């Protein structure tokens, strides 16, 4: 019973924290968009590294390592 209460308190605290962050962002007029980030400031070497990492992860998943 106490483990269930602990889990509820943790999830409740996380939700309250998210709501507070959202309210502060709305009050300041900022838009939190984590999916569409601007990649125009990334160097070509960083792009190549990211693409090669994505390809490696895809190959590992196709081979069944995950």
C-alpha atoms as a PDB file:
ATOM      1  CA  UNK A   1       0.000   0.000   0.000  1.00  0.00           C
ATOM      2  CA  UNK A   2       2.773   2.453   0.859  1.00  0.00           C
ATOM      3  CA  UNK A   3       4.555   1.752  -2.463  1.00  0.00           C
ATOM      4  CA  UNK A   4       1.377   2.685  -4.338  1.00  0.00           C
ATOM      5  CA  UNK A   5       1.060   5.913  -2.406  1.00  0.00           C
ATOM      6  CA  UNK A   6       4.724   6.692  -3.107  1.00  0.00           C
ATOM      7  CA  UNK A   7       4.206   6.144  -6.842  1.00  0.00           C
ATOM      8  CA  UNK A   8       1.103   8.349  -6.839  1.00  0.00           C
ATOM      9  CA  UNK A   9       2.998  11.118  -5.060  1.00  0.00           C
ATOM     10  CA  UNK A  10       5.883  10.890  -7.537  1.00  0.00           C
ATOM     11  CA  UNK A  11       3.618  10.998 -10.613  1.00  0.00           C
ATOM     12  CA  UNK A  12       1.509  13.735  -9.077  1.00  0.00           C
ATOM     13  CA  UNK A  13       4.602  15.803  -8.354  1.00  0.00           C
ATOM     14  CA  UNK A  14       5.824  15.333 -11.899  1.00  0.00           C
ATOM     15  CA  UNK A  15       2.489  16.457 -13.320  1.00  0.00           C
ATOM     16  CA  UNK A  16       2.387  19.492 -11.030  1.00  0.00           C
ATOM     17  CA  UNK A  17       5.933  20.413 -12.067  1.00  0.00           C
ATOM     18  CA  UNK A  18       5.006  20.153 -15.764  1.00  0.00           C
ATOM     19  CA  UNK A  19       1.940  22.315 -15.257  1.00  0.00           C
ATOM     20  CA  UNK A  20       3.989  24.972 -13.453  1.00  0.00           C
ATOM     21  CA  UNK A  21       6.621  25.017 -16.221  1.00  0.00           C
ATOM     22  CA  UNK A  22       3.875  25.295 -18.836  1.00  0.00           C
ATOM     23  CA  UNK A  23       2.187  28.173 -17.021  1.00  0.00           C
ATOM     24  CA  UNK A  24       5.478  30.055 -16.655  1.00  0.00           C
ATOM     25  CA  UNK A  25       6.264  29.542 -20.350  1.00  0.00           C
ATOM     26  CA  UNK A  26       2.830  30.790 -21.366  1.00  0.00           C
ATOM     27  CA  UNK A  27       3.138  33.812 -19.103  1.00  0.00           C
ATOM     28  CA  UNK A  28       6.495  34.722 -20.634  1.00  0.00           C
ATOM     29  CA  UNK A  29       5.151  34.132 -24.116  1.00  0.00           C
ATOM     30  CA  UNK A  30       7.634  31.406 -24.998  1.00  0.00           C
ATOM     31  CA  UNK A  31       6.741  28.428 -27.110  1.00  0.00           C
ATOM     32  CA  UNK A  32       8.289  25.133 -26.034  1.00  0.00           C
ATOM     33  CA  UNK A  33       8.738  23.057 -29.174  1.00  0.00           C
ATOM     34  CA  UNK A  34      11.138  20.178 -28.728  1.00  0.00           C
ATOM     35  CA  UNK A  35      10.377  18.329 -31.957  1.00  0.00           C
ATOM     36  CA  UNK A  36      11.073  21.027 -34.561  1.00  0.00           C
ATOM     37  CA  UNK A  37      14.455  22.390 -33.666  1.00  0.00           C
ATOM     38  CA  UNK A  38      16.406  24.662 -35.966  1.00  0.00           C
ATOM     39  CA  UNK A  39      19.262  22.703 -37.571  1.00  0.00           C
ATOM     40  CA  UNK A  40      20.649  25.657 -39.512  1.00  0.00           C
ATOM     41  CA  UNK A  41      23.374  26.314 -36.915  1.00  0.00           C
ATOM     42  CA  UNK A  42      24.795  22.786 -37.023  1.00  0.00           C
ATOM     43  CA  UNK A  43      28.108  22.307 -38.789  1.00  0.00           C
ATOM     44  CA  UNK A  44      28.489  19.810 -41.603  1.00  0.00           C
ATOM     45  CA  UNK A  45      30.664  17.523 -39.479  1.00  0.00           C
ATOM     46  CA  UNK A  46      27.969  17.394 -36.790  1.00  0.00           C
ATOM     47  CA  UNK A  47      25.364  16.522 -39.431  1.00  0.00           C
ATOM     48  CA  UNK A  48      27.554  13.722 -40.798  1.00  0.00           C
ATOM     49  CA  UNK A  49      28.112  12.384 -37.281  1.00  0.00           C
ATOM     50  CA  UNK A  50      24.392  12.451 -36.499  1.00  0.00           C
ATOM     51  CA  UNK A  51      23.452  10.732 -39.749  1.00  0.00           C
ATOM     52  CA  UNK A  52      26.098   8.028 -39.323  1.00  0.00           C
ATOM     53  CA  UNK A  53      24.925   7.444 -35.747  1.00  0.00           C
ATOM     54  CA  UNK A  54      21.325   7.107 -36.917  1.00  0.00           C
ATOM     55  CA  UNK A  55      22.382   4.650 -39.621  1.00  0.00           C
ATOM     56  CA  UNK A  56      24.370   2.604 -37.104  1.00  0.00           C
ATOM     57  CA  UNK A  57      21.423   2.440 -34.704  1.00  0.00           C
ATOM     58  CA  UNK A  58      19.132   1.402 -37.551  1.00  0.00           C
ATOM     59  CA  UNK A  59      21.524  -1.374 -38.594  1.00  0.00           C
ATOM     60  CA  UNK A  60      21.797  -2.602 -35.006  1.00  0.00           C
ATOM     61  CA  UNK A  61      18.027  -2.706 -34.692  1.00  0.00           C
ATOM     62  CA  UNK A  62      17.717  -4.599 -37.975  1.00  0.00           C
ATOM     63  CA  UNK A  63      20.233  -7.160 -36.725  1.00  0.00           C
ATOM     64  CA  UNK A  64      18.308  -7.660 -33.492  1.00  0.00           C
ATOM     65  CA  UNK A  65      20.675  -6.171 -30.939  1.00  0.00           C
ATOM     66  CA  UNK A  66      17.839  -4.350 -29.185  1.00  0.00           C
END
